[in-house]
Amino acid sequence: MAARQTTRTTRANADDPLAPVTIAVGQEELLLDRAVRQVTAAARAADPDTDLTELDPGELAPGTLASLTSPSLFAERKVVVVRQAQDLAADTVKDVKAYLASPADEITLVMLFTGSGTKGKGLLDAARKAGAREVACPKMTKPADRVAFARGEFRAAGVGATPAACQALVEAIGGDLRELASACAQLAADVEGTIDEAVVARYYTGRAEASSFTVADLAVEGHAAEALEALRWALATGVAPVLVTSALAQGVRAIGKLASAPPGVRPADLARDLGMPPWKIDRVRQQTRGWTADGVATAVRAVAEADAAVKGGGYDPAYALERAVITIASATRFARGR
């Protein structure tokens, strides 16, 4: 049995999401999430009853993996996702390495390596040596990489887009890959025929990044009236509602991340650990002072409700966004302009 299962690992196809072990390596959250979704979708296509278990390093104690991957009476398929695998404790790493040598049938193990430097390199090397399928998820810091990403998004959607359109879209959206992906999806859904530079200009007049993030910054700083004014201007100039919900989500998420960071850490280190550009740390730090844990939870719910409404769960996206902006601005202790 062990020999057969080891062969199963080493012959894993690089393009097969049902390979016994997949490792996703990099710091781009969108690509990491997509790697997990791809494996889960493939597993559930093969077996709709596939069970998904996601674990952080602290939840994977010695013996936990063996329990999760032990044979089932009903032989159901399972996907086990280990996030931040580079942070696993040494004794747990031993368990995982032993599993790599003899993976279980009907189990797909996905490990996300999101750190920088050499931390977790031993386990990563062991997974590669065992023949794990690898998905690269690098942070896209160069504009040329983001332009190539946009081309790929349009190609995957079956839509043609000119090089000038991809370039213009990257210039309008900026560096956030989730927002760029949302913009590509919006254009692919709305536009018939080839997407050109004129189409991008029509949708994103006034720079979508500036307008949507202005709304988010004003909302998390408690400026309800100004945020509503910026929101109405953004929608009137063609900014897609999904970009506004994305900006709101990022604003609230940034506050939550920074609020939970340990005190005394240098801004440069925070920027690296939290996945933010260094210039943003000081701005978010100022915004964080007006927030409590309950306020962040309220804001997260408001963004989730607005996102559902914008993507088809509600009849009036503009109203849903206005309600979210008011709720977020009211959730901070320094709320004003209500």
C-alpha atoms as a PDB file:
ATOM      1  CA  MET A   1       0.000   0.000   0.000  1.00  0.00           C
ATOM      2  CA  ALA A   2       2.708   2.485   0.968  1.00  0.00           C
ATOM      3  CA  ALA A   3       4.698   1.823  -2.191  1.00  0.00           C
ATOM      4  CA  ARG A   4       1.623   2.319  -4.372  1.00  0.00           C
ATOM      5  CA  GLN A   5       0.710   5.553  -2.619  1.00  0.00           C
ATOM      6  CA  THR A   6       4.256   6.913  -2.848  1.00  0.00           C
ATOM      7  CA  THR A   7       4.139   6.317  -6.609  1.00  0.00           C
ATOM      8  CA  ARG A   8       0.883   8.209  -6.627  1.00  0.00           C
ATOM      9  CA  THR A   9       2.703  11.246  -5.190  1.00  0.00           C
ATOM     10  CA  THR A  10       5.751  11.186  -7.437  1.00  0.00           C
ATOM     11  CA  ARG A  11       3.767  10.884 -10.649  1.00  0.00           C
ATOM     12  CA  ALA A  12       1.525  13.847  -9.786  1.00  0.00           C
ATOM     13  CA  ASN A  13       0.821  15.982 -12.843  1.00  0.00           C
ATOM     14  CA  ALA A  14       1.724  19.641 -12.404  1.00  0.00           C
ATOM     15  CA  ASP A  15      -1.646  20.582 -13.910  1.00  0.00           C
ATOM     16  CA  ASP A  16      -3.748  18.092 -11.930  1.00  0.00           C
ATOM     17  CA  PRO A  17      -5.520  19.784  -8.997  1.00  0.00           C
ATOM     18  CA  LEU A  18      -6.330  16.328  -7.630  1.00  0.00           C
ATOM     19  CA  ALA A  19      -2.672  15.505  -7.108  1.00  0.00           C
ATOM     20  CA  PRO A  20      -2.193  13.958  -3.644  1.00  0.00           C
ATOM     21  CA  VAL A  21      -0.243  16.977  -2.399  1.00  0.00           C
ATOM     22  CA  THR A  22      -0.313  20.575  -3.638  1.00  0.00           C
ATOM     23  CA  ILE A  23       1.979  23.289  -2.320  1.00  0.00           C
ATOM     24  CA  ALA A  24       1.151  26.952  -3.008  1.00  0.00           C
ATOM     25  CA  VAL A  25       4.163  29.193  -2.513  1.00  0.00           C
ATOM     26  CA  GLY A  26       4.162  32.988  -2.371  1.00  0.00           C
ATOM     27  CA  GLN A  27       2.599  36.026  -0.733  1.00  0.00           C
ATOM     28  CA  GLU A  28      -0.149  36.980  -3.184  1.00  0.00           C
ATOM     29  CA  GLU A  29      -3.354  36.291  -1.249  1.00  0.00           C
ATOM     30  CA  LEU A  30      -5.592  36.172  -4.318  1.00  0.00           C
ATOM     31  CA  LEU A  31      -3.464  33.491  -5.976  1.00  0.00           C
ATOM     32  CA  LEU A  32      -3.198  31.490  -2.758  1.00  0.00           C
ATOM     33  CA  ASP A  33      -6.979  31.536  -2.326  1.00  0.00           C
ATOM     34  CA  ARG A  34      -7.431  30.547  -5.958  1.00  0.00           C
ATOM     35  CA  ALA A  35      -5.094  27.596  -5.504  1.00  0.00           C
ATOM     36  CA  VAL A  36      -7.268  26.339  -2.657  1.00  0.00           C
ATOM     37  CA  ARG A  37     -10.493  26.961  -4.589  1.00  0.00           C
ATOM     38  CA  GLN A  38      -9.186  25.143  -7.652  1.00  0.00           C
ATOM     39  CA  VAL A  39      -8.325  22.021  -5.679  1.00  0.00           C
ATOM     40  CA  THR A  40     -11.624  22.108  -3.778  1.00  0.00           C
ATOM     41  CA  ALA A  41     -13.658  22.574  -6.956  1.00  0.00           C
ATOM     42  CA  ALA A  42     -11.907  19.684  -8.675  1.00  0.00           C
ATOM     43  CA  ALA A  43     -12.423  17.422  -5.670  1.00  0.00           C
ATOM     44  CA  ARG A  44     -16.108  18.282  -5.437  1.00  0.00           C
ATOM     45  CA  ALA A  45     -16.530  17.762  -9.158  1.00  0.00           C
ATOM     46  CA  ALA A  46     -15.235  14.232  -8.588  1.00  0.00           C
ATOM     47  CA  ASP A  47     -17.264  13.801  -5.384  1.00  0.00           C
ATOM     48  CA  PRO A  48     -19.901  16.396  -4.384  1.00  0.00           C
ATOM     49  CA  ASP A  49     -19.658  15.229  -0.771  1.00  0.00           C
ATOM     50  CA  THR A  50     -15.982  16.110  -0.469  1.00  0.00           C
ATOM     51  CA  ASP A  51     -15.146  17.406   3.002  1.00  0.00           C
ATOM     52  CA  LEU A  52     -12.970  20.527   3.301  1.00  0.00           C
ATOM     53  CA  THR A  53     -10.858  21.143   6.420  1.00  0.00           C
ATOM     54  CA  GLU A  54      -8.731  24.280   6.760  1.00  0.00           C
ATOM     55  CA  LEU A  55      -6.163  24.566   9.522  1.00  0.00           C
ATOM     56  CA  ASP A  56      -3.819  27.230  10.833  1.00  0.00           C
ATOM     57  CA  PRO A  57      -0.433  26.123  12.212  1.00  0.00           C
ATOM     58  CA  GLY A  58      -1.659  26.199  15.814  1.00  0.00           C
ATOM     59  CA  GLU A  59      -4.496  23.809  14.986  1.00  0.00           C
ATOM     60  CA  LEU A  60      -2.252  21.118  13.545  1.00  0.00           C
ATOM     61  CA  ALA A  61      -0.826  19.306  16.562  1.00  0.00           C
ATOM     62  CA  PRO A  62       1.116  16.035  16.405  1.00  0.00           C
ATOM     63  CA  GLY A  63      -1.323  13.306  15.395  1.00  0.00           C
ATOM     64  CA  THR A  64      -3.913  15.700  13.939  1.00  0.00           C
ATOM     65  CA  LEU A  65      -2.948  15.051  10.320  1.00  0.00           C
ATOM     66  CA  ALA A  66      -3.007  11.302  10.860  1.00  0.00           C
ATOM     67  CA  SER A  67      -6.503  11.577  12.305  1.00  0.00           C
ATOM     68  CA  LEU A  68      -7.755  13.718   9.419  1.00  0.00           C
ATOM     69  CA  THR A  69      -6.291  11.437   6.768  1.00  0.00           C
ATOM     70  CA  SER A  70      -7.149   8.086   8.319  1.00  0.00           C
ATOM     71  CA  PRO A  71      -9.296   5.752   6.197  1.00  0.00           C
ATOM     72  CA  SER A  72     -13.012   6.407   6.420  1.00  0.00           C
ATOM     73  CA  LEU A  73     -15.727   3.771   6.594  1.00  0.00           C
ATOM     74  CA  PHE A  74     -17.459   5.507   3.694  1.00  0.00           C
ATOM     75  CA  ALA A  75     -14.231   6.313   1.782  1.00  0.00           C
ATOM     76  CA  GLU A  76     -15.233   9.941   1.312  1.00  0.00           C
ATOM     77  CA  ARG A  77     -12.894  12.329  -0.436  1.00  0.00           C
ATOM     78  CA  LYS A  78     -11.266  15.018   1.719  1.00  0.00           C
ATOM     79  CA  VAL A  79      -9.327  18.202   1.067  1.00  0.00           C
ATOM     80  CA  VAL A  80      -7.082  19.250   3.950  1.00  0.00           C
ATOM     81  CA  VAL A  81      -5.664  22.781   3.722  1.00  0.00           C
ATOM     82  CA  VAL A  82      -2.781  23.870   5.956  1.00  0.00           C
ATOM     83  CA  ARG A  83      -2.284  27.632   5.900  1.00  0.00           C
ATOM     84  CA  GLN A  84       1.054  29.268   6.763  1.00  0.00           C
ATOM     85  CA  ALA A  85       2.729  25.886   6.634  1.00  0.00           C
ATOM     86  CA  GLN A  86       6.110  27.538   7.173  1.00  0.00           C
ATOM     87  CA  ASP A  87       5.054  28.206  10.779  1.00  0.00           C
ATOM     88  CA  LEU A  88       4.342  24.583  11.739  1.00  0.00           C
ATOM     89  CA  ALA A  89       6.029  23.347  14.904  1.00  0.00           C
ATOM     90  CA  ALA A  90       8.980  20.978  14.530  1.00  0.00           C
ATOM     91  CA  ASP A  91       7.163  17.915  15.877  1.00  0.00           C
ATOM     92  CA  THR A  92       4.242  18.537  13.536  1.00  0.00           C
ATOM     93  CA  VAL A  93       6.636  18.920  10.594  1.00  0.00           C
ATOM     94  CA  LYS A  94       7.842  15.380  11.298  1.00  0.00           C
ATOM     95  CA  ASP A  95       4.266  14.111  10.995  1.00  0.00           C
ATOM     96  CA  VAL A  96       3.759  15.926   7.716  1.00  0.00           C
ATOM     97  CA  LYS A  97       7.020  14.646   6.243  1.00  0.00           C
ATOM     98  CA  ALA A  98       6.026  11.098   7.167  1.00  0.00           C
ATOM     99  CA  TYR A  99       2.667  11.625   5.473  1.00  0.00           C
ATOM    100  CA  LEU A 100       4.357  12.907   2.296  1.00  0.00           C
ATOM    101  CA  ALA A 101       6.107   9.556   1.958  1.00  0.00           C
ATOM    102  CA  SER A 102       2.803   7.689   1.966  1.00  0.00           C
ATOM    103  CA  PRO A 103      -0.234   9.878   1.233  1.00  0.00           C
ATOM    104  CA  ALA A 104      -3.699   8.486   1.763  1.00  0.00           C
ATOM    105  CA  ASP A 105      -6.082   7.645  -1.037  1.00  0.00           C
ATOM    106  CA  GLU A 106      -9.013  10.024  -1.570  1.00  0.00           C
ATOM    107  CA  ILE A 107      -7.153  12.764   0.371  1.00  0.00           C
ATOM    108  CA  THR A 108      -5.757  15.925  -1.171  1.00  0.00           C
ATOM    109  CA  LEU A 109      -3.370  17.849   1.062  1.00  0.00           C
ATOM    110  CA  VAL A 110      -2.819  21.536   0.261  1.00  0.00           C
ATOM    111  CA  MET A 111      -0.072  23.447   2.074  1.00  0.00           C
ATOM    112  CA  LEU A 112       0.298  27.209   1.740  1.00  0.00           C
ATOM    113  CA  PHE A 113       3.819  28.573   2.250  1.00  0.00           C
ATOM    114  CA  THR A 114       3.428  32.338   2.603  1.00  0.00           C
ATOM    115  CA  GLY A 115       6.557  33.371   4.477  1.00  0.00           C
ATOM    116  CA  SER A 116       9.709  34.988   3.233  1.00  0.00           C
ATOM    117  CA  GLY A 117      13.237  33.815   3.862  1.00  0.00           C
ATOM    118  CA  THR A 118      14.211  30.294   4.871  1.00  0.00           C
ATOM    119  CA  LYS A 119      11.514  29.562   7.455  1.00  0.00           C
ATOM    120  CA  GLY A 120       9.776  26.301   6.603  1.00  0.00           C
ATOM    121  CA  LYS A 121      12.321  25.481   3.891  1.00  0.00           C
ATOM    122  CA  GLY A 122      12.878  21.961   5.203  1.00  0.00           C
ATOM    123  CA  LEU A 123       9.231  21.013   4.825  1.00  0.00           C
ATOM    124  CA  LEU A 124       8.951  22.785   1.492  1.00  0.00           C
ATOM    125  CA  ASP A 125      11.960  20.935   0.131  1.00  0.00           C
ATOM    126  CA  ALA A 126      10.566  17.638   1.424  1.00  0.00           C
ATOM    127  CA  ALA A 127       7.261  18.267  -0.353  1.00  0.00           C
ATOM    128  CA  ARG A 128       9.047  19.080  -3.595  1.00  0.00           C
ATOM    129  CA  LYS A 129      11.227  15.992  -3.292  1.00  0.00           C
ATOM    130  CA  ALA A 130       8.111  13.870  -2.757  1.00  0.00           C
ATOM    131  CA  GLY A 131       6.732  15.151  -6.079  1.00  0.00           C
ATOM    132  CA  ALA A 132       4.098  17.564  -4.821  1.00  0.00           C
ATOM    133  CA  ARG A 133       2.283  19.698  -7.355  1.00  0.00           C
ATOM    134  CA  GLU A 134       3.475  23.296  -6.949  1.00  0.00           C
ATOM    135  CA  VAL A 135       1.546  26.502  -7.598  1.00  0.00           C
ATOM    136  CA  ALA A 136       3.537  29.738  -7.669  1.00  0.00           C
ATOM    137  CA  CYS A 137       1.769  32.673  -6.007  1.00  0.00           C
ATOM    138  CA  PRO A 138       4.336  35.494  -6.171  1.00  0.00           C
ATOM    139  CA  LYS A 139       3.527  39.032  -5.120  1.00  0.00           C
ATOM    140  CA  MET A 140       3.047  41.017  -8.321  1.00  0.00           C
ATOM    141  CA  THR A 141       4.960  44.220  -7.721  1.00  0.00           C
ATOM    142  CA  LYS A 142       5.855  45.105 -11.319  1.00  0.00           C
ATOM    143  CA  PRO A 143       3.277  46.803 -13.595  1.00  0.00           C
ATOM    144  CA  ALA A 144       4.281  44.460 -16.437  1.00  0.00           C
ATOM    145  CA  ASP A 145       3.343  41.462 -14.281  1.00  0.00           C
ATOM    146  CA  ARG A 146      -0.057  42.973 -13.514  1.00  0.00           C
ATOM    147  CA  VAL A 147      -0.653  43.714 -17.203  1.00  0.00           C
ATOM    148  CA  ALA A 148       0.124  40.062 -17.985  1.00  0.00           C
ATOM    149  CA  PHE A 149      -2.238  39.035 -15.183  1.00  0.00           C
ATOM    150  CA  ALA A 150      -5.039  41.148 -16.685  1.00  0.00           C
ATOM    151  CA  ARG A 151      -4.479  39.571 -20.097  1.00  0.00           C
ATOM    152  CA  GLY A 152      -4.724  36.159 -18.497  1.00  0.00           C
ATOM    153  CA  GLU A 153      -7.958  37.075 -16.703  1.00  0.00           C
ATOM    154  CA  PHE A 154      -9.598  38.194 -19.934  1.00  0.00           C
ATOM    155  CA  ARG A 155      -8.295  35.132 -21.772  1.00  0.00           C
ATOM    156  CA  ALA A 156      -9.702  32.841 -19.076  1.00  0.00           C
ATOM    157  CA  ALA A 157     -13.072  34.590 -19.390  1.00  0.00           C
ATOM    158  CA  GLY A 158     -13.067  34.043 -23.138  1.00  0.00           C
ATOM    159  CA  VAL A 159     -12.938  37.777 -23.870  1.00  0.00           C
ATOM    160  CA  GLY A 160     -10.551  39.646 -26.128  1.00  0.00           C
ATOM    161  CA  ALA A 161      -8.704  42.684 -24.772  1.00  0.00           C
ATOM    162  CA  THR A 162      -6.130  44.869 -26.479  1.00  0.00           C
ATOM    163  CA  PRO A 163      -2.693  45.389 -24.887  1.00  0.00           C
ATOM    164  CA  ALA A 164      -3.530  49.087 -24.505  1.00  0.00           C
ATOM    165  CA  ALA A 165      -6.721  48.200 -22.633  1.00  0.00           C
ATOM    166  CA  CYS A 166      -4.848  45.946 -20.208  1.00  0.00           C
ATOM    167  CA  GLN A 167      -2.258  48.653 -19.617  1.00  0.00           C
ATOM    168  CA  ALA A 168      -4.935  51.305 -19.054  1.00  0.00           C
ATOM    169  CA  LEU A 169      -6.806  49.072 -16.647  1.00  0.00           C
ATOM    170  CA  VAL A 170      -3.698  48.438 -14.542  1.00  0.00           C
ATOM    171  CA  GLU A 171      -2.988  52.167 -14.460  1.00  0.00           C
ATOM    172  CA  ALA A 172      -6.566  52.849 -13.333  1.00  0.00           C
ATOM    173  CA  ILE A 173      -6.823  50.128 -10.706  1.00  0.00           C
ATOM    174  CA  GLY A 174      -3.351  50.212  -9.206  1.00  0.00           C
ATOM    175  CA  GLY A 175      -1.475  47.502  -7.342  1.00  0.00           C
ATOM    176  CA  ASP A 176      -4.211  45.469  -5.656  1.00  0.00           C
ATOM    177  CA  LEU A 177      -4.603  42.170  -7.505  1.00  0.00           C
ATOM    178  CA  ARG A 178      -8.043  41.401  -6.067  1.00  0.00           C
ATOM    179  CA  GLU A 179      -9.390  44.694  -7.339  1.00  0.00           C
ATOM    180  CA  LEU A 180      -7.774  44.152 -10.725  1.00  0.00           C
ATOM    181  CA  ALA A 181      -9.338  40.701 -10.964  1.00  0.00           C
ATOM    182  CA  SER A 182     -12.737  42.174 -10.021  1.00  0.00           C
ATOM    183  CA  ALA A 183     -12.372  44.859 -12.696  1.00  0.00           C
ATOM    184  CA  CYS A 184     -11.511  42.259 -15.339  1.00  0.00           C
ATOM    185  CA  ALA A 185     -14.519  40.171 -14.334  1.00  0.00           C
ATOM    186  CA  GLN A 186     -16.793  43.223 -14.432  1.00  0.00           C
ATOM    187  CA  LEU A 187     -15.657  44.218 -17.928  1.00  0.00           C
ATOM    188  CA  ALA A 188     -15.834  40.640 -19.207  1.00  0.00           C
ATOM    189  CA  ALA A 189     -19.421  40.351 -17.967  1.00  0.00           C
ATOM    190  CA  ASP A 190     -20.585  43.738 -19.241  1.00  0.00           C
ATOM    191  CA  VAL A 191     -18.835  44.266 -22.564  1.00  0.00           C
ATOM    192  CA  GLU A 192     -19.588  42.489 -25.828  1.00  0.00           C
ATOM    193  CA  GLY A 193     -16.718  42.149 -28.241  1.00  0.00           C
ATOM    194  CA  THR A 194     -13.125  43.197 -27.741  1.00  0.00           C
ATOM    195  CA  ILE A 195     -12.299  45.404 -24.760  1.00  0.00           C
ATOM    196  CA  ASP A 196     -10.218  48.369 -25.846  1.00  0.00           C
ATOM    197  CA  GLU A 197      -8.762  51.443 -24.201  1.00  0.00           C
ATOM    198  CA  ALA A 198     -11.935  53.460 -24.828  1.00  0.00           C
ATOM    199  CA  VAL A 199     -14.009  50.907 -22.902  1.00  0.00           C
ATOM    200  CA  VAL A 200     -11.631  51.058 -19.936  1.00  0.00           C
ATOM    201  CA  ALA A 201     -11.718  54.860 -19.980  1.00  0.00           C
ATOM    202  CA  ARG A 202     -15.525  54.822 -20.003  1.00  0.00           C
ATOM    203  CA  TYR A 203     -15.697  52.526 -16.985  1.00  0.00           C
ATOM    204  CA  TYR A 204     -12.871  53.988 -14.962  1.00  0.00           C
ATOM    205  CA  THR A 205     -12.870  57.718 -15.643  1.00  0.00           C
ATOM    206  CA  GLY A 206     -11.112  59.593 -12.846  1.00  0.00           C
ATOM    207  CA  ARG A 207      -8.989  56.593 -11.822  1.00  0.00           C
ATOM    208  CA  ALA A 208     -10.894  53.856 -10.078  1.00  0.00           C
ATOM    209  CA  GLU A 209      -8.182  53.362  -7.476  1.00  0.00           C
ATOM    210  CA  ALA A 210      -8.366  56.957  -6.282  1.00  0.00           C
ATOM    211  CA  SER A 211     -12.164  57.140  -6.173  1.00  0.00           C
ATOM    212  CA  SER A 212     -12.933  53.776  -4.577  1.00  0.00           C
ATOM    213  CA  PHE A 213     -10.150  54.053  -2.011  1.00  0.00           C
ATOM    214  CA  THR A 214     -11.139  57.623  -1.199  1.00  0.00           C
ATOM    215  CA  VAL A 215     -14.583  56.297  -0.269  1.00  0.00           C
ATOM    216  CA  ALA A 216     -13.005  53.596   1.902  1.00  0.00           C
ATOM    217  CA  ASP A 217     -10.578  55.941   3.660  1.00  0.00           C
ATOM    218  CA  LEU A 218     -13.300  58.463   4.473  1.00  0.00           C
ATOM    219  CA  ALA A 219     -15.617  55.722   5.744  1.00  0.00           C
ATOM    220  CA  VAL A 220     -13.104  54.072   8.106  1.00  0.00           C
ATOM    221  CA  GLU A 221     -12.114  57.511   9.416  1.00  0.00           C
ATOM    222  CA  GLY A 222     -15.728  58.210  10.406  1.00  0.00           C
ATOM    223  CA  HIS A 223     -16.479  60.878   7.787  1.00  0.00           C
ATOM    224  CA  ALA A 224     -19.912  59.602   6.789  1.00  0.00           C
ATOM    225  CA  ALA A 225     -21.115  62.642   4.837  1.00  0.00           C
ATOM    226  CA  GLU A 226     -17.871  63.028   2.884  1.00  0.00           C
ATOM    227  CA  ALA A 227     -17.731  59.284   2.198  1.00  0.00           C
ATOM    228  CA  LEU A 228     -21.270  59.318   0.810  1.00  0.00           C
ATOM    229  CA  GLU A 229     -20.431  62.268  -1.418  1.00  0.00           C
ATOM    230  CA  ALA A 230     -17.317  60.491  -2.716  1.00  0.00           C
ATOM    231  CA  LEU A 231     -19.328  57.304  -3.257  1.00  0.00           C
ATOM    232  CA  ARG A 232     -21.972  59.067  -5.344  1.00  0.00           C
ATOM    233  CA  TRP A 233     -19.283  60.774  -7.405  1.00  0.00           C
ATOM    234  CA  ALA A 234     -17.480  57.478  -7.970  1.00  0.00           C
ATOM    235  CA  LEU A 235     -20.630  55.692  -9.132  1.00  0.00           C
ATOM    236  CA  ALA A 236     -21.595  58.630 -11.352  1.00  0.00           C
ATOM    237  CA  THR A 237     -18.218  58.546 -13.094  1.00  0.00           C
ATOM    238  CA  GLY A 238     -18.478  54.859 -13.893  1.00  0.00           C
ATOM    239  CA  VAL A 239     -16.634  53.123 -11.066  1.00  0.00           C
ATOM    240  CA  ALA A 240     -18.053  49.597 -10.768  1.00  0.00           C
ATOM    241  CA  PRO A 241     -19.783  48.922  -7.411  1.00  0.00           C
ATOM    242  CA  VAL A 242     -17.704  45.769  -6.925  1.00  0.00           C
ATOM    243  CA  LEU A 243     -14.567  47.925  -6.837  1.00  0.00           C
ATOM    244  CA  VAL A 244     -16.020  50.010  -4.025  1.00  0.00           C
ATOM    245  CA  THR A 245     -16.872  46.938  -1.936  1.00  0.00           C
ATOM    246  CA  SER A 246     -13.352  45.647  -2.585  1.00  0.00           C
ATOM    247  CA  ALA A 247     -11.838  48.933  -1.366  1.00  0.00           C
ATOM    248  CA  LEU A 248     -14.095  48.955   1.719  1.00  0.00           C
ATOM    249  CA  ALA A 249     -13.102  45.361   2.491  1.00  0.00           C
ATOM    250  CA  GLN A 250      -9.419  46.184   2.181  1.00  0.00           C
ATOM    251  CA  GLY A 251      -9.780  49.239   4.412  1.00  0.00           C
ATOM    252  CA  VAL A 252     -11.519  47.320   7.170  1.00  0.00           C
ATOM    253  CA  ARG A 253      -9.188  44.328   6.803  1.00  0.00           C
ATOM    254  CA  ALA A 254      -6.120  46.560   7.064  1.00  0.00           C
ATOM    255  CA  ILE A 255      -7.405  48.027  10.323  1.00  0.00           C
ATOM    256  CA  GLY A 256      -8.078  44.566  11.728  1.00  0.00           C
ATOM    257  CA  LYS A 257      -4.607  43.354  10.752  1.00  0.00           C
ATOM    258  CA  LEU A 258      -2.771  46.323  12.195  1.00  0.00           C
ATOM    259  CA  ALA A 259      -4.844  46.351  15.393  1.00  0.00           C
ATOM    260  CA  SER A 260      -3.832  42.749  16.100  1.00  0.00           C
ATOM    261  CA  ALA A 261      -0.129  43.297  15.351  1.00  0.00           C
ATOM    262  CA  PRO A 262       2.249  43.236  18.351  1.00  0.00           C
ATOM    263  CA  PRO A 263       3.349  46.661  19.636  1.00  0.00           C
ATOM    264  CA  GLY A 264       6.779  48.087  18.980  1.00  0.00           C
ATOM    265  CA  VAL A 265       7.295  46.523  15.554  1.00  0.00           C
ATOM    266  CA  ARG A 266       9.029  48.717  12.986  1.00  0.00           C
ATOM    267  CA  PRO A 267       6.828  50.026  10.126  1.00  0.00           C
ATOM    268  CA  ALA A 268       8.978  48.260   7.526  1.00  0.00           C
ATOM    269  CA  ASP A 269       8.589  44.939   9.337  1.00  0.00           C
ATOM    270  CA  LEU A 270       4.850  45.507   9.734  1.00  0.00           C
ATOM    271  CA  ALA A 271       4.545  46.249   6.034  1.00  0.00           C
ATOM    272  CA  ARG A 272       6.249  42.961   5.192  1.00  0.00           C
ATOM    273  CA  ASP A 273       4.322  40.871   7.718  1.00  0.00           C
ATOM    274  CA  LEU A 274       0.914  42.381   6.946  1.00  0.00           C
ATOM    275  CA  GLY A 275       1.345  42.521   3.187  1.00  0.00           C
ATOM    276  CA  MET A 276       0.913  46.311   2.959  1.00  0.00           C
ATOM    277  CA  PRO A 277       3.083  48.854   1.185  1.00  0.00           C
ATOM    278  CA  PRO A 278       5.246  50.743   3.712  1.00  0.00           C
ATOM    279  CA  TRP A 279       3.623  54.095   2.965  1.00  0.00           C
ATOM    280  CA  LYS A 280       0.253  52.725   4.034  1.00  0.00           C
ATOM    281  CA  ILE A 281       1.268  51.686   7.546  1.00  0.00           C
ATOM    282  CA  ASP A 282       1.204  55.192   9.049  1.00  0.00           C
ATOM    283  CA  ARG A 283      -2.144  56.005   7.436  1.00  0.00           C
ATOM    284  CA  VAL A 284      -3.758  52.795   8.688  1.00  0.00           C
ATOM    285  CA  ARG A 285      -2.186  53.252  12.123  1.00  0.00           C
ATOM    286  CA  GLN A 286      -3.944  56.632  12.418  1.00  0.00           C
ATOM    287  CA  GLN A 287      -7.215  55.087  11.271  1.00  0.00           C
ATOM    288  CA  THR A 288      -6.907  52.223  13.769  1.00  0.00           C
ATOM    289  CA  ARG A 289      -7.044  54.557  16.771  1.00  0.00           C
ATOM    290  CA  GLY A 290     -10.769  55.049  16.350  1.00  0.00           C
ATOM    291  CA  TRP A 291     -11.656  51.355  16.220  1.00  0.00           C
ATOM    292  CA  THR A 292     -12.560  48.596  18.649  1.00  0.00           C
ATOM    293  CA  ALA A 293     -12.864  44.867  18.003  1.00  0.00           C
ATOM    294  CA  ASP A 294     -16.676  45.155  18.053  1.00  0.00           C
ATOM    295  CA  GLY A 295     -16.522  48.025  15.581  1.00  0.00           C
ATOM    296  CA  VAL A 296     -14.361  46.022  13.187  1.00  0.00           C
ATOM    297  CA  ALA A 297     -16.779  43.069  13.429  1.00  0.00           C
ATOM    298  CA  THR A 298     -19.702  45.363  12.607  1.00  0.00           C
ATOM    299  CA  ALA A 299     -17.826  46.806   9.630  1.00  0.00           C
ATOM    300  CA  VAL A 300     -16.899  43.348   8.322  1.00  0.00           C
ATOM    301  CA  ARG A 301     -20.567  42.308   8.368  1.00  0.00           C
ATOM    302  CA  ALA A 302     -21.573  45.509   6.575  1.00  0.00           C
ATOM    303  CA  VAL A 303     -19.023  44.893   3.821  1.00  0.00           C
ATOM    304  CA  ALA A 304     -20.134  41.269   3.419  1.00  0.00           C
ATOM    305  CA  GLU A 305     -23.777  42.311   3.071  1.00  0.00           C
ATOM    306  CA  ALA A 306     -22.900  45.018   0.538  1.00  0.00           C
ATOM    307  CA  ASP A 307     -20.734  42.600  -1.439  1.00  0.00           C
ATOM    308  CA  ALA A 308     -23.607  40.099  -1.669  1.00  0.00           C
ATOM    309  CA  ALA A 309     -25.998  42.816  -2.797  1.00  0.00           C
ATOM    310  CA  VAL A 310     -23.592  44.190  -5.395  1.00  0.00           C
ATOM    311  CA  LYS A 311     -23.012  40.723  -6.841  1.00  0.00           C
ATOM    312  CA  GLY A 312     -26.678  39.999  -7.365  1.00  0.00           C
ATOM    313  CA  GLY A 313     -28.154  39.433  -3.919  1.00  0.00           C
ATOM    314  CA  GLY A 314     -29.872  42.826  -3.795  1.00  0.00           C
ATOM    315  CA  TYR A 315     -31.890  44.964  -6.186  1.00  0.00           C
ATOM    316  CA  ASP A 316     -30.067  48.276  -5.640  1.00  0.00           C
ATOM    317  CA  PRO A 317     -26.247  48.168  -5.411  1.00  0.00           C
ATOM    318  CA  ALA A 318     -25.988  51.924  -4.829  1.00  0.00           C
ATOM    319  CA  TYR A 319     -28.304  51.759  -1.823  1.00  0.00           C
ATOM    320  CA  ALA A 320     -26.405  48.755  -0.454  1.00  0.00           C
ATOM    321  CA  LEU A 321     -23.124  50.652  -0.745  1.00  0.00           C
ATOM    322  CA  GLU A 322     -24.554  53.756   0.922  1.00  0.00           C
ATOM    323  CA  ARG A 323     -25.826  51.673   3.820  1.00  0.00           C
ATOM    324  CA  ALA A 324     -22.422  49.972   4.164  1.00  0.00           C
ATOM    325  CA  VAL A 325     -20.598  53.307   4.146  1.00  0.00           C
ATOM    326  CA  ILE A 326     -22.873  54.720   6.854  1.00  0.00           C
ATOM    327  CA  THR A 327     -22.512  51.571   8.987  1.00  0.00           C
ATOM    328  CA  ILE A 328     -18.718  51.545   8.676  1.00  0.00           C
ATOM    329  CA  ALA A 329     -18.382  55.254   9.402  1.00  0.00           C
ATOM    330  CA  SER A 330     -20.677  54.876  12.425  1.00  0.00           C
ATOM    331  CA  ALA A 331     -18.713  51.896  13.762  1.00  0.00           C
ATOM    332  CA  THR A 332     -15.645  53.976  14.587  1.00  0.00           C
ATOM    333  CA  ARG A 333     -15.545  55.815  17.910  1.00  0.00           C
ATOM    334  CA  PHE A 334     -14.650  59.015  16.078  1.00  0.00           C
ATOM    335  CA  ALA A 335     -17.692  58.921  13.789  1.00  0.00           C
ATOM    336  CA  ARG A 336     -18.732  62.317  12.521  1.00  0.00           C
ATOM    337  CA  GLY A 337     -20.828  63.758   9.737  1.00  0.00           C
ATOM    338  CA  ARG A 338     -23.695  61.308  10.276  1.00  0.00           C
END
